[in-house]
Amino acid sequence: MFEMTITAAQEDTDQLGHVNNITYLRWVQEIAIAHWNALAPAEDIEKLLWVVLRHEIDYKAQAFAGDVLTVRTWVGAAGRLKFERNTEILRGGKLLAKALTVWCPIDRATGRPTAPGEIVRALFSNANG
């Protein structure tokens, strides 16, 4: 599991005064990128990009500007070209939102989907989840 702490800003809120849904989506993407950059070998970071095939988010409670949040992610099942990633956003241990995202590795040079090597597969599949 990989975690980061964020503080919701006023610009993250909508007209109802709570954190906007698109902000949650941004945080899901930001923690996935941070996790990738923290664990992946440098040569794979240079070779691969990741694109989202699917996002599924369940909103459980509201967050507000000034809230200090824990965002955590862990990897799930992996196929040849599809890698699941789970994310939770919490405030003080209370679950605010959870997401399941499916990512596909892309060859940076060609822009085409590519199967990653064994190291990436071991780091970013539920074998190490």
C-alpha atoms as a PDB file:
ATOM      1  CA  MET A   1       0.000   0.000   0.000  1.00  0.00           C
ATOM      2  CA  PHE A   2       1.178   3.502  -0.851  1.00  0.00           C
ATOM      3  CA  GLU A   3      -0.141   6.601   0.948  1.00  0.00           C
ATOM      4  CA  MET A   4       0.052  10.360   0.794  1.00  0.00           C
ATOM      5  CA  THR A   5      -1.542  13.143   2.793  1.00  0.00           C
ATOM      6  CA  ILE A   6      -3.263  16.058   1.099  1.00  0.00           C
ATOM      7  CA  THR A   7      -5.189  19.062   2.305  1.00  0.00           C
ATOM      8  CA  ALA A   8      -8.309  19.941   0.359  1.00  0.00           C
ATOM      9  CA  ALA A   9      -8.091  23.504  -0.944  1.00  0.00           C
ATOM     10  CA  GLN A  10     -10.899  25.991  -1.474  1.00  0.00           C
ATOM     11  CA  GLU A  11     -10.450  25.662  -5.249  1.00  0.00           C
ATOM     12  CA  ASP A  12     -11.173  21.911  -4.891  1.00  0.00           C
ATOM     13  CA  THR A  13     -14.769  22.651  -3.852  1.00  0.00           C
ATOM     14  CA  ASP A  14     -17.907  23.169  -5.880  1.00  0.00           C
ATOM     15  CA  GLN A  15     -20.932  25.423  -5.519  1.00  0.00           C
ATOM     16  CA  LEU A  16     -22.250  23.219  -2.692  1.00  0.00           C
ATOM     17  CA  GLY A  17     -19.107  23.867  -0.653  1.00  0.00           C
ATOM     18  CA  HIS A  18     -17.748  20.330  -0.712  1.00  0.00           C
ATOM     19  CA  VAL A  19     -14.914  18.780  -2.677  1.00  0.00           C
ATOM     20  CA  ASN A  20     -15.938  18.377  -6.303  1.00  0.00           C
ATOM     21  CA  ASN A  21     -16.118  14.912  -7.862  1.00  0.00           C
ATOM     22  CA  ILE A  22     -13.492  15.826 -10.458  1.00  0.00           C
ATOM     23  CA  THR A  23     -11.064  16.599  -7.633  1.00  0.00           C
ATOM     24  CA  TYR A  24     -11.402  13.068  -6.288  1.00  0.00           C
ATOM     25  CA  LEU A  25     -10.616  11.786  -9.768  1.00  0.00           C
ATOM     26  CA  ARG A  26      -7.527  14.021  -9.934  1.00  0.00           C
ATOM     27  CA  TRP A  27      -6.338  12.674  -6.587  1.00  0.00           C
ATOM     28  CA  VAL A  28      -6.826   9.081  -7.827  1.00  0.00           C
ATOM     29  CA  GLN A  29      -4.598   9.875 -10.785  1.00  0.00           C
ATOM     30  CA  GLU A  30      -2.016  11.796  -8.748  1.00  0.00           C
ATOM     31  CA  ILE A  31      -1.475   9.002  -6.244  1.00  0.00           C
ATOM     32  CA  ALA A  32      -1.209   6.408  -9.031  1.00  0.00           C
ATOM     33  CA  ILE A  33       1.524   8.482 -10.700  1.00  0.00           C
ATOM     34  CA  ALA A  34       3.306   9.066  -7.379  1.00  0.00           C
ATOM     35  CA  HIS A  35       3.204   5.327  -6.619  1.00  0.00           C
ATOM     36  CA  TRP A  36       4.590   4.503 -10.077  1.00  0.00           C
ATOM     37  CA  ASN A  37       7.393   7.045  -9.738  1.00  0.00           C
ATOM     38  CA  ALA A  38       8.266   5.843  -6.225  1.00  0.00           C
ATOM     39  CA  LEU A  39       8.549   2.126  -7.080  1.00  0.00           C
ATOM     40  CA  ALA A  40       9.225   1.607 -10.779  1.00  0.00           C
ATOM     41  CA  PRO A  41      12.768   1.171 -12.054  1.00  0.00           C
ATOM     42  CA  ALA A  42      14.098   4.270 -13.848  1.00  0.00           C
ATOM     43  CA  GLU A  43      14.400   2.451 -17.180  1.00  0.00           C
ATOM     44  CA  ASP A  44      10.711   1.479 -17.035  1.00  0.00           C
ATOM     45  CA  ILE A  45       9.674   5.021 -16.108  1.00  0.00           C
ATOM     46  CA  GLU A  46      11.506   6.180 -19.242  1.00  0.00           C
ATOM     47  CA  LYS A  47       9.907   3.480 -21.439  1.00  0.00           C
ATOM     48  CA  LEU A  48       6.320   3.338 -20.204  1.00  0.00           C
ATOM     49  CA  LEU A  49       3.365   5.634 -19.771  1.00  0.00           C
ATOM     50  CA  TRP A  50       0.032   4.588 -18.303  1.00  0.00           C
ATOM     51  CA  VAL A  51      -3.429   5.450 -19.620  1.00  0.00           C
ATOM     52  CA  VAL A  52      -6.749   4.908 -17.899  1.00  0.00           C
ATOM     53  CA  LEU A  53      -9.207   2.523 -19.483  1.00  0.00           C
ATOM     54  CA  ARG A  54     -11.839   2.812 -16.761  1.00  0.00           C
ATOM     55  CA  HIS A  55     -12.601   4.651 -13.518  1.00  0.00           C
ATOM     56  CA  GLU A  56     -15.238   3.537 -11.027  1.00  0.00           C
ATOM     57  CA  ILE A  57     -15.703   5.766  -7.967  1.00  0.00           C
ATOM     58  CA  ASP A  58     -18.057   5.348  -5.039  1.00  0.00           C
ATOM     59  CA  TYR A  59     -18.612   8.484  -2.951  1.00  0.00           C
ATOM     60  CA  LYS A  60     -19.394   7.718   0.692  1.00  0.00           C
ATOM     61  CA  ALA A  61     -19.117  11.084   2.487  1.00  0.00           C
ATOM     62  CA  GLN A  62     -18.221  14.702   1.746  1.00  0.00           C
ATOM     63  CA  ALA A  63     -14.868  16.428   2.158  1.00  0.00           C
ATOM     64  CA  PHE A  64     -14.460  20.174   2.626  1.00  0.00           C
ATOM     65  CA  ALA A  65     -11.769  22.807   2.117  1.00  0.00           C
ATOM     66  CA  GLY A  66      -9.184  22.526   4.862  1.00  0.00           C
ATOM     67  CA  ASP A  67      -9.756  18.817   5.462  1.00  0.00           C
ATOM     68  CA  VAL A  68      -6.549  16.826   5.845  1.00  0.00           C
ATOM     69  CA  LEU A  69      -7.026  13.622   3.896  1.00  0.00           C
ATOM     70  CA  THR A  70      -5.209  10.345   3.528  1.00  0.00           C
ATOM     71  CA  VAL A  71      -5.144   8.982   0.002  1.00  0.00           C
ATOM     72  CA  ARG A  72      -3.962   5.411  -0.298  1.00  0.00           C
ATOM     73  CA  THR A  73      -3.581   3.061  -3.207  1.00  0.00           C
ATOM     74  CA  TRP A  74      -2.684  -0.536  -3.852  1.00  0.00           C
ATOM     75  CA  VAL A  75      -2.560  -2.689  -6.930  1.00  0.00           C
ATOM     76  CA  GLY A  76      -5.028  -5.395  -7.839  1.00  0.00           C
ATOM     77  CA  ALA A  77      -5.345  -7.999 -10.545  1.00  0.00           C
ATOM     78  CA  ALA A  78      -3.302  -7.721 -13.724  1.00  0.00           C
ATOM     79  CA  GLY A  79      -3.782  -9.139 -17.166  1.00  0.00           C
ATOM     80  CA  ARG A  80      -1.455  -8.809 -20.122  1.00  0.00           C
ATOM     81  CA  LEU A  81      -2.408  -5.168 -20.779  1.00  0.00           C
ATOM     82  CA  LYS A  82      -4.859  -4.295 -17.991  1.00  0.00           C
ATOM     83  CA  PHE A  83      -3.794  -3.471 -14.446  1.00  0.00           C
ATOM     84  CA  GLU A  84      -6.274  -2.765 -11.669  1.00  0.00           C
ATOM     85  CA  ARG A  85      -5.543  -0.176  -8.993  1.00  0.00           C
ATOM     86  CA  ASN A  86      -7.570   0.504  -5.856  1.00  0.00           C
ATOM     87  CA  THR A  87      -7.689   3.883  -4.137  1.00  0.00           C
ATOM     88  CA  GLU A  88      -9.309   5.105  -0.951  1.00  0.00           C
ATOM     89  CA  ILE A  89      -9.667   8.673   0.297  1.00  0.00           C
ATOM     90  CA  LEU A  90     -10.150   9.045   4.036  1.00  0.00           C
ATOM     91  CA  ARG A  91     -10.532  11.765   6.638  1.00  0.00           C
ATOM     92  CA  GLY A  92      -9.527  10.707  10.141  1.00  0.00           C
ATOM     93  CA  GLY A  93      -9.997   7.056   9.234  1.00  0.00           C
ATOM     94  CA  LYS A  94     -13.488   7.617   7.761  1.00  0.00           C
ATOM     95  CA  LEU A  95     -13.850   6.451   4.167  1.00  0.00           C
ATOM     96  CA  LEU A  96     -14.976   9.309   1.912  1.00  0.00           C
ATOM     97  CA  ALA A  97     -14.492   7.702  -1.491  1.00  0.00           C
ATOM     98  CA  LYS A  98     -13.115   4.549  -3.037  1.00  0.00           C
ATOM     99  CA  ALA A  99     -12.093   3.928  -6.609  1.00  0.00           C
ATOM    100  CA  LEU A 100     -11.227   1.032  -8.857  1.00  0.00           C
ATOM    101  CA  THR A 101      -9.248   2.082 -11.908  1.00  0.00           C
ATOM    102  CA  VAL A 102      -8.023  -0.014 -14.824  1.00  0.00           C
ATOM    103  CA  TRP A 103      -4.759   1.145 -16.390  1.00  0.00           C
ATOM    104  CA  CYS A 104      -2.955   0.106 -19.573  1.00  0.00           C
ATOM    105  CA  PRO A 105       0.812   0.431 -20.105  1.00  0.00           C
ATOM    106  CA  ILE A 106       1.794   2.356 -23.231  1.00  0.00           C
ATOM    107  CA  ASP A 107       5.152   2.334 -24.981  1.00  0.00           C
ATOM    108  CA  ARG A 108       6.369   5.935 -24.751  1.00  0.00           C
ATOM    109  CA  ALA A 109       8.111   5.760 -28.165  1.00  0.00           C
ATOM    110  CA  THR A 110       5.255   4.248 -30.182  1.00  0.00           C
ATOM    111  CA  GLY A 111       2.214   5.334 -28.177  1.00  0.00           C
ATOM    112  CA  ARG A 112       0.886   1.785 -28.414  1.00  0.00           C
ATOM    113  CA  PRO A 113      -0.153  -0.616 -25.638  1.00  0.00           C
ATOM    114  CA  THR A 114       2.679  -2.856 -24.526  1.00  0.00           C
ATOM    115  CA  ALA A 115       3.091  -5.664 -22.027  1.00  0.00           C
ATOM    116  CA  PRO A 116       5.510  -4.614 -19.286  1.00  0.00           C
ATOM    117  CA  GLY A 117       8.437  -6.704 -18.131  1.00  0.00           C
ATOM    118  CA  GLU A 118       8.523  -9.049 -15.169  1.00  0.00           C
ATOM    119  CA  ILE A 119       9.759  -6.438 -12.680  1.00  0.00           C
ATOM    120  CA  VAL A 120       6.896  -4.053 -13.410  1.00  0.00           C
ATOM    121  CA  ARG A 121       4.410  -6.916 -13.379  1.00  0.00           C
ATOM    122  CA  ALA A 122       5.707  -8.087  -9.989  1.00  0.00           C
ATOM    123  CA  LEU A 123       5.629  -4.556  -8.508  1.00  0.00           C
ATOM    124  CA  PHE A 124       2.257  -3.524  -9.915  1.00  0.00           C
ATOM    125  CA  SER A 125       0.084  -6.624  -9.665  1.00  0.00           C
ATOM    126  CA  ASN A 126      -1.607  -8.124  -6.636  1.00  0.00           C
ATOM    127  CA  ALA A 127       1.348 -10.447  -6.070  1.00  0.00           C
ATOM    128  CA  ASN A 128       2.813  -7.476  -4.154  1.00  0.00           C
ATOM    129  CA  GLY A 129      -0.476  -5.655  -3.511  1.00  0.00           C
END
